[in-house]
Amino acid sequence: MKLSNMDLNAFARELAGDSPAPGGGSVAALAGGLAAALCAMVSRLTLGREKYKDAADDMEAVRHKADAASARLLELVDEDAAAYNKVSAAFRMPKGTDEEKATRADAIQEATKAAASTPLDTLRTTADLCDLCRLAVEKGNPNCITDAGVAAQLIRAAAKGAAYNIRAAAKGAAYNVQINLSSIKDGVFREHLAKQTDEMLNRVLKEAADLEELVERSMG
């Protein structure tokens, strides 16, 4: 059964189990998906109300893009777990002969690239939510300001979590990303991935801080 199709209790039990997947990467994607859903909710609670008619075009755009982002991030909940499982499967491949060792090494590299690329997709999709959340805060129904504020906090958490998952293995830290990044022998790929991660994460953290300040000002 797909993780994204589980009810909340079942997902929490699966997460709390003794398997490393689903783990932080899936939860980061879920946080992003929930942030997008909150932005979509704010748009729907704004659309169709006469007093907010001037914001209709912006809210239509938020609804459309946030729904798509939420759907994609929920797919990434499963893709992250699947990517981790492929790495584990590659490490379990036979290594009794030189040929088997070479095949195993290639499989590990390909699986590890995917395991690092999947949270990058989460980070990229989450970064795109910043503009939608800002519109929700600035032009959405003011009765939903705290919902937009929670979305901003989830965006921050999702981006941080995805970035950890891209970097964690390199230093042997508990964060999955460095493990993936340091295990990749393709230096060009590794450098490109690290640069993208830093750029997007810095952008999201700045945007999230600005949004938090905006929400708190709006709440007085």
C-alpha atoms as a PDB file:
ATOM      1  CA  MET A   1       0.000   0.000   0.000  1.00  0.00           C
ATOM      2  CA  LYS A   2       1.276   3.460  -0.885  1.00  0.00           C
ATOM      3  CA  LEU A   3       2.317   5.523   2.111  1.00  0.00           C
ATOM      4  CA  SER A   4       0.333   8.486   0.803  1.00  0.00           C
ATOM      5  CA  ASN A   5      -2.828   6.359   0.803  1.00  0.00           C
ATOM      6  CA  MET A   6      -2.503   5.346   4.461  1.00  0.00           C
ATOM      7  CA  ASP A   7      -4.628   6.946   7.137  1.00  0.00           C
ATOM      8  CA  LEU A   8      -2.757   9.085   9.662  1.00  0.00           C
ATOM      9  CA  ASN A   9      -2.620   6.430  12.366  1.00  0.00           C
ATOM     10  CA  ALA A  10      -1.304   3.766   9.993  1.00  0.00           C
ATOM     11  CA  PHE A  11       1.342   6.111   8.595  1.00  0.00           C
ATOM     12  CA  ALA A  12       2.484   7.100  12.085  1.00  0.00           C
ATOM     13  CA  ARG A  13       2.776   3.430  13.088  1.00  0.00           C
ATOM     14  CA  GLU A  14       4.746   2.650   9.916  1.00  0.00           C
ATOM     15  CA  LEU A  15       7.027   5.600  10.581  1.00  0.00           C
ATOM     16  CA  ALA A  16       7.572   4.527  14.194  1.00  0.00           C
ATOM     17  CA  GLY A  17       8.556   0.992  13.191  1.00  0.00           C
ATOM     18  CA  ASP A  18      12.019  -0.573  13.007  1.00  0.00           C
ATOM     19  CA  SER A  19      12.493   0.043   9.278  1.00  0.00           C
ATOM     20  CA  PRO A  20      14.543   3.087   8.186  1.00  0.00           C
ATOM     21  CA  ALA A  21      12.065   3.817   5.396  1.00  0.00           C
ATOM     22  CA  PRO A  22       9.831   5.740   5.511  1.00  0.00           C
ATOM     23  CA  GLY A  23      11.972   8.218   7.363  1.00  0.00           C
ATOM     24  CA  GLY A  24      12.913  11.870   7.424  1.00  0.00           C
ATOM     25  CA  GLY A  25      12.799  12.311   3.662  1.00  0.00           C
ATOM     26  CA  SER A  26       9.228  11.101   3.423  1.00  0.00           C
ATOM     27  CA  VAL A  27       8.200  13.270   6.361  1.00  0.00           C
ATOM     28  CA  ALA A  28       9.843  16.321   4.762  1.00  0.00           C
ATOM     29  CA  ALA A  29       7.834  15.708   1.594  1.00  0.00           C
ATOM     30  CA  LEU A  30       4.668  15.266   3.651  1.00  0.00           C
ATOM     31  CA  ALA A  31       5.299  18.567   5.451  1.00  0.00           C
ATOM     32  CA  GLY A  32       5.625  20.286   2.098  1.00  0.00           C
ATOM     33  CA  GLY A  33       2.449  18.632   0.858  1.00  0.00           C
ATOM     34  CA  LEU A  34       0.548  19.845   3.905  1.00  0.00           C
ATOM     35  CA  ALA A  35       1.911  23.370   3.421  1.00  0.00           C
ATOM     36  CA  ALA A  36       0.653  23.359  -0.154  1.00  0.00           C
ATOM     37  CA  ALA A  37      -2.735  22.052   0.981  1.00  0.00           C
ATOM     38  CA  LEU A  38      -3.026  24.882   3.503  1.00  0.00           C
ATOM     39  CA  CYS A  39      -2.265  27.442   0.794  1.00  0.00           C
ATOM     40  CA  ALA A  40      -4.952  25.854  -1.387  1.00  0.00           C
ATOM     41  CA  MET A  41      -7.411  25.992   1.514  1.00  0.00           C
ATOM     42  CA  VAL A  42      -6.771  29.708   2.053  1.00  0.00           C
ATOM     43  CA  SER A  43      -7.395  30.344  -1.629  1.00  0.00           C
ATOM     44  CA  ARG A  44     -10.704  28.465  -1.543  1.00  0.00           C
ATOM     45  CA  LEU A  45     -11.830  30.360   1.536  1.00  0.00           C
ATOM     46  CA  THR A  46     -11.086  33.607  -0.291  1.00  0.00           C
ATOM     47  CA  LEU A  47     -12.556  32.866  -3.725  1.00  0.00           C
ATOM     48  CA  GLY A  48     -16.217  33.663  -4.277  1.00  0.00           C
ATOM     49  CA  ARG A  49     -16.399  36.248  -1.517  1.00  0.00           C
ATOM     50  CA  GLU A  50     -17.363  39.704  -2.738  1.00  0.00           C
ATOM     51  CA  LYS A  51     -15.111  41.561  -0.336  1.00  0.00           C
ATOM     52  CA  TYR A  52     -12.045  39.751  -1.721  1.00  0.00           C
ATOM     53  CA  LYS A  53     -12.970  39.916  -5.412  1.00  0.00           C
ATOM     54  CA  ASP A  54      -9.868  41.969  -6.270  1.00  0.00           C
ATOM     55  CA  ALA A  55      -7.728  39.027  -5.196  1.00  0.00           C
ATOM     56  CA  ALA A  56      -9.638  36.480  -7.293  1.00  0.00           C
ATOM     57  CA  ASP A  57      -7.027  36.070 -10.043  1.00  0.00           C
ATOM     58  CA  ASP A  58      -4.209  35.615  -7.564  1.00  0.00           C
ATOM     59  CA  MET A  59      -6.223  33.163  -5.503  1.00  0.00           C
ATOM     60  CA  GLU A  60      -7.140  31.143  -8.590  1.00  0.00           C
ATOM     61  CA  ALA A  61      -3.436  30.865  -9.369  1.00  0.00           C
ATOM     62  CA  VAL A  62      -2.669  29.838  -5.783  1.00  0.00           C
ATOM     63  CA  ARG A  63      -5.385  27.187  -5.817  1.00  0.00           C
ATOM     64  CA  HIS A  64      -4.227  25.673  -9.105  1.00  0.00           C
ATOM     65  CA  LYS A  65      -0.500  25.661  -8.307  1.00  0.00           C
ATOM     66  CA  ALA A  66      -0.900  24.617  -4.675  1.00  0.00           C
ATOM     67  CA  ASP A  67      -3.107  21.654  -5.591  1.00  0.00           C
ATOM     68  CA  ALA A  68      -0.493  20.488  -8.112  1.00  0.00           C
ATOM     69  CA  ALA A  69       2.363  20.974  -5.644  1.00  0.00           C
ATOM     70  CA  SER A  70       0.536  19.084  -2.909  1.00  0.00           C
ATOM     71  CA  ALA A  71      -0.112  16.150  -5.253  1.00  0.00           C
ATOM     72  CA  ARG A  72       3.541  16.058  -6.322  1.00  0.00           C
ATOM     73  CA  LEU A  73       4.873  16.236  -2.767  1.00  0.00           C
ATOM     74  CA  LEU A  74       2.616  13.394  -1.667  1.00  0.00           C
ATOM     75  CA  GLU A  75       4.071  11.327  -4.514  1.00  0.00           C
ATOM     76  CA  LEU A  76       7.514  12.158  -3.169  1.00  0.00           C
ATOM     77  CA  VAL A  77       6.561  10.676   0.210  1.00  0.00           C
ATOM     78  CA  ASP A  78       6.544   7.287  -1.513  1.00  0.00           C
ATOM     79  CA  GLU A  79       9.389   8.027  -3.919  1.00  0.00           C
ATOM     80  CA  ASP A  80      11.753   8.907  -1.087  1.00  0.00           C
ATOM     81  CA  ALA A  81      11.076   5.640   0.727  1.00  0.00           C
ATOM     82  CA  ALA A  82      11.423   3.691  -2.536  1.00  0.00           C
ATOM     83  CA  ALA A  83      14.735   5.395  -3.318  1.00  0.00           C
ATOM     84  CA  TYR A  84      16.141   4.448   0.087  1.00  0.00           C
ATOM     85  CA  ASN A  85      14.991   0.848  -0.361  1.00  0.00           C
ATOM     86  CA  LYS A  86      16.800   0.670  -3.723  1.00  0.00           C
ATOM     87  CA  VAL A  87      20.037   1.723  -2.060  1.00  0.00           C
ATOM     88  CA  SER A  88      19.588  -0.983   0.568  1.00  0.00           C
ATOM     89  CA  ALA A  89      18.849  -3.548  -2.145  1.00  0.00           C
ATOM     90  CA  ALA A  90      21.975  -2.550  -4.053  1.00  0.00           C
ATOM     91  CA  PHE A  91      24.147  -3.076  -0.968  1.00  0.00           C
ATOM     92  CA  ARG A  92      22.657  -6.564  -0.583  1.00  0.00           C
ATOM     93  CA  MET A  93      23.725  -7.615  -4.100  1.00  0.00           C
ATOM     94  CA  PRO A  94      26.259 -10.451  -4.321  1.00  0.00           C
ATOM     95  CA  LYS A  95      29.964  -9.550  -4.294  1.00  0.00           C
ATOM     96  CA  GLY A  96      31.679 -12.920  -4.527  1.00  0.00           C
ATOM     97  CA  THR A  97      33.370 -12.323  -7.893  1.00  0.00           C
ATOM     98  CA  ASP A  98      35.040  -9.321  -9.514  1.00  0.00           C
ATOM     99  CA  GLU A  99      32.152  -9.080 -11.963  1.00  0.00           C
ATOM    100  CA  GLU A 100      29.598  -9.156  -9.165  1.00  0.00           C
ATOM    101  CA  LYS A 101      31.550  -6.504  -7.252  1.00  0.00           C
ATOM    102  CA  ALA A 102      31.606  -4.218 -10.300  1.00  0.00           C
ATOM    103  CA  THR A 103      27.892  -4.710 -10.952  1.00  0.00           C
ATOM    104  CA  ARG A 104      27.129  -4.060  -7.297  1.00  0.00           C
ATOM    105  CA  ALA A 105      29.268  -0.911  -7.213  1.00  0.00           C
ATOM    106  CA  ASP A 106      27.503   0.492 -10.287  1.00  0.00           C
ATOM    107  CA  ALA A 107      24.088  -0.312  -8.808  1.00  0.00           C
ATOM    108  CA  ILE A 108      25.008   1.399  -5.537  1.00  0.00           C
ATOM    109  CA  GLN A 109      26.114   4.552  -7.375  1.00  0.00           C
ATOM    110  CA  GLU A 110      22.930   4.757  -9.448  1.00  0.00           C
ATOM    111  CA  ALA A 111      20.678   4.076  -6.463  1.00  0.00           C
ATOM    112  CA  THR A 112      22.533   6.603  -4.323  1.00  0.00           C
ATOM    113  CA  LYS A 113      22.190   9.307  -6.983  1.00  0.00           C
ATOM    114  CA  ALA A 114      18.453   8.691  -7.016  1.00  0.00           C
ATOM    115  CA  ALA A 115      18.339   8.755  -3.212  1.00  0.00           C
ATOM    116  CA  ALA A 116      19.968  12.193  -3.246  1.00  0.00           C
ATOM    117  CA  SER A 117      17.950  13.489  -6.211  1.00  0.00           C
ATOM    118  CA  THR A 118      14.569  12.636  -4.717  1.00  0.00           C
ATOM    119  CA  PRO A 119      14.851  15.006  -1.728  1.00  0.00           C
ATOM    120  CA  LEU A 120      16.221  17.615  -4.137  1.00  0.00           C
ATOM    121  CA  ASP A 121      12.895  17.358  -5.968  1.00  0.00           C
ATOM    122  CA  THR A 122      11.162  17.815  -2.614  1.00  0.00           C
ATOM    123  CA  LEU A 123      13.279  20.894  -1.904  1.00  0.00           C
ATOM    124  CA  ARG A 124      12.642  22.354  -5.365  1.00  0.00           C
ATOM    125  CA  THR A 125       8.875  21.834  -5.156  1.00  0.00           C
ATOM    126  CA  THR A 126       8.780  23.225  -1.630  1.00  0.00           C
ATOM    127  CA  ALA A 127      10.784  26.299  -2.664  1.00  0.00           C
ATOM    128  CA  ASP A 128       8.136  27.060  -5.272  1.00  0.00           C
ATOM    129  CA  LEU A 129       5.538  27.246  -2.478  1.00  0.00           C
ATOM    130  CA  CYS A 130       7.094  30.396  -1.030  1.00  0.00           C
ATOM    131  CA  ASP A 131       5.452  32.725  -3.557  1.00  0.00           C
ATOM    132  CA  LEU A 132       2.093  30.965  -3.153  1.00  0.00           C
ATOM    133  CA  CYS A 133       2.264  31.282   0.613  1.00  0.00           C
ATOM    134  CA  ARG A 134       3.119  34.978   0.345  1.00  0.00           C
ATOM    135  CA  LEU A 135       0.035  35.542  -1.806  1.00  0.00           C
ATOM    136  CA  ALA A 136      -2.054  33.619   0.716  1.00  0.00           C
ATOM    137  CA  VAL A 137      -0.734  35.836   3.517  1.00  0.00           C
ATOM    138  CA  GLU A 138      -0.994  39.137   1.676  1.00  0.00           C
ATOM    139  CA  LYS A 139      -4.190  38.674  -0.342  1.00  0.00           C
ATOM    140  CA  GLY A 140      -6.005  35.723   1.184  1.00  0.00           C
ATOM    141  CA  ASN A 141      -8.955  35.836   3.538  1.00  0.00           C
ATOM    142  CA  PRO A 142      -7.508  37.467   6.691  1.00  0.00           C
ATOM    143  CA  ASN A 143      -9.469  35.029   8.842  1.00  0.00           C
ATOM    144  CA  CYS A 144      -7.048  32.396   7.518  1.00  0.00           C
ATOM    145  CA  ILE A 145      -3.869  34.253   8.423  1.00  0.00           C
ATOM    146  CA  THR A 146      -2.808  31.658  10.985  1.00  0.00           C
ATOM    147  CA  ASP A 147      -3.355  28.855   8.453  1.00  0.00           C
ATOM    148  CA  ALA A 148      -1.057  30.646   6.019  1.00  0.00           C
ATOM    149  CA  GLY A 149       1.384  31.129   8.900  1.00  0.00           C
ATOM    150  CA  VAL A 150       1.431  27.406   9.634  1.00  0.00           C
ATOM    151  CA  ALA A 151       2.022  26.782   5.920  1.00  0.00           C
ATOM    152  CA  ALA A 152       5.082  29.044   6.100  1.00  0.00           C
ATOM    153  CA  GLN A 153       6.474  27.079   9.055  1.00  0.00           C
ATOM    154  CA  LEU A 154       5.879  23.772   7.266  1.00  0.00           C
ATOM    155  CA  ILE A 155       7.667  25.096   4.183  1.00  0.00           C
ATOM    156  CA  ARG A 156      10.679  25.882   6.358  1.00  0.00           C
ATOM    157  CA  ALA A 157      10.590  22.427   7.966  1.00  0.00           C
ATOM    158  CA  ALA A 158      10.157  20.638   4.637  1.00  0.00           C
ATOM    159  CA  ALA A 159      13.039  22.507   3.036  1.00  0.00           C
ATOM    160  CA  LYS A 160      15.358  21.892   5.989  1.00  0.00           C
ATOM    161  CA  GLY A 161      14.416  18.238   6.109  1.00  0.00           C
ATOM    162  CA  ALA A 162      14.930  17.757   2.382  1.00  0.00           C
ATOM    163  CA  ALA A 163      18.311  19.487   2.548  1.00  0.00           C
ATOM    164  CA  TYR A 164      19.412  17.265   5.437  1.00  0.00           C
ATOM    165  CA  ASN A 165      18.359  14.288   3.372  1.00  0.00           C
ATOM    166  CA  ILE A 166      20.500  15.470   0.472  1.00  0.00           C
ATOM    167  CA  ARG A 167      23.626  15.978   2.601  1.00  0.00           C
ATOM    168  CA  ALA A 168      23.567  13.687   5.626  1.00  0.00           C
ATOM    169  CA  ALA A 169      25.912  10.806   4.862  1.00  0.00           C
ATOM    170  CA  ALA A 170      29.020  12.737   4.041  1.00  0.00           C
ATOM    171  CA  LYS A 171      29.998  13.397   7.613  1.00  0.00           C
ATOM    172  CA  GLY A 172      28.439  10.264   9.017  1.00  0.00           C
ATOM    173  CA  ALA A 173      25.808  12.432  10.634  1.00  0.00           C
ATOM    174  CA  ALA A 174      22.308  11.265  11.301  1.00  0.00           C
ATOM    175  CA  TYR A 175      20.977  13.314   8.414  1.00  0.00           C
ATOM    176  CA  ASN A 176      20.352  11.213   5.322  1.00  0.00           C
ATOM    177  CA  VAL A 177      21.458  13.739   2.721  1.00  0.00           C
ATOM    178  CA  GLN A 178      25.134  13.875   3.620  1.00  0.00           C
ATOM    179  CA  ILE A 179      25.321  10.106   3.466  1.00  0.00           C
ATOM    180  CA  ASN A 180      23.959  10.102  -0.023  1.00  0.00           C
ATOM    181  CA  LEU A 181      26.120  12.991  -1.199  1.00  0.00           C
ATOM    182  CA  SER A 182      29.391  11.692   0.185  1.00  0.00           C
ATOM    183  CA  SER A 183      28.796   8.226  -1.200  1.00  0.00           C
ATOM    184  CA  ILE A 184      28.522   9.510  -4.778  1.00  0.00           C
ATOM    185  CA  LYS A 185      31.783   9.200  -6.690  1.00  0.00           C
ATOM    186  CA  ASP A 186      30.639  11.385  -9.600  1.00  0.00           C
ATOM    187  CA  GLY A 187      32.233  14.650  -8.518  1.00  0.00           C
ATOM    188  CA  VAL A 188      30.426  16.841 -11.077  1.00  0.00           C
ATOM    189  CA  PHE A 189      27.042  15.435 -10.056  1.00  0.00           C
ATOM    190  CA  ARG A 190      27.874  15.774  -6.360  1.00  0.00           C
ATOM    191  CA  GLU A 191      29.029  19.391  -6.714  1.00  0.00           C
ATOM    192  CA  HIS A 192      25.987  20.352  -8.786  1.00  0.00           C
ATOM    193  CA  LEU A 193      23.669  18.754  -6.251  1.00  0.00           C
ATOM    194  CA  ALA A 194      25.339  20.499  -3.318  1.00  0.00           C
ATOM    195  CA  LYS A 195      25.193  23.888  -5.036  1.00  0.00           C
ATOM    196  CA  GLN A 196      21.513  23.526  -5.903  1.00  0.00           C
ATOM    197  CA  THR A 197      20.713  22.421  -2.376  1.00  0.00           C
ATOM    198  CA  ASP A 198      22.454  25.384  -0.762  1.00  0.00           C
ATOM    199  CA  GLU A 199      20.918  27.921  -3.139  1.00  0.00           C
ATOM    200  CA  MET A 200      17.360  26.666  -2.739  1.00  0.00           C
ATOM    201  CA  LEU A 201      17.596  26.142   0.999  1.00  0.00           C
ATOM    202  CA  ASN A 202      18.961  29.655   1.574  1.00  0.00           C
ATOM    203  CA  ARG A 203      16.151  31.073  -0.536  1.00  0.00           C
ATOM    204  CA  VAL A 204      13.471  29.175   1.356  1.00  0.00           C
ATOM    205  CA  LEU A 205      14.836  30.068   4.775  1.00  0.00           C
ATOM    206  CA  LYS A 206      14.924  33.762   3.883  1.00  0.00           C
ATOM    207  CA  GLU A 207      11.412  33.629   2.424  1.00  0.00           C
ATOM    208  CA  ALA A 208      10.103  31.713   5.438  1.00  0.00           C
ATOM    209  CA  ALA A 209      11.582  34.265   7.844  1.00  0.00           C
ATOM    210  CA  ASP A 210      10.011  37.111   5.857  1.00  0.00           C
ATOM    211  CA  LEU A 211       6.660  35.313   5.822  1.00  0.00           C
ATOM    212  CA  GLU A 212       6.781  34.700   9.549  1.00  0.00           C
ATOM    213  CA  GLU A 213       7.393  38.399  10.161  1.00  0.00           C
ATOM    214  CA  LEU A 214       4.565  39.306   7.765  1.00  0.00           C
ATOM    215  CA  VAL A 215       2.119  36.931   9.460  1.00  0.00           C
ATOM    216  CA  GLU A 216       2.963  38.256  12.919  1.00  0.00           C
ATOM    217  CA  ARG A 217       2.565  41.851  11.762  1.00  0.00           C
ATOM    218  CA  SER A 218      -0.810  40.996  10.230  1.00  0.00           C
ATOM    219  CA  MET A 219      -1.918  39.441  13.517  1.00  0.00           C
ATOM    220  CA  GLY A 220      -0.910  42.592  15.381  1.00  0.00           C
END
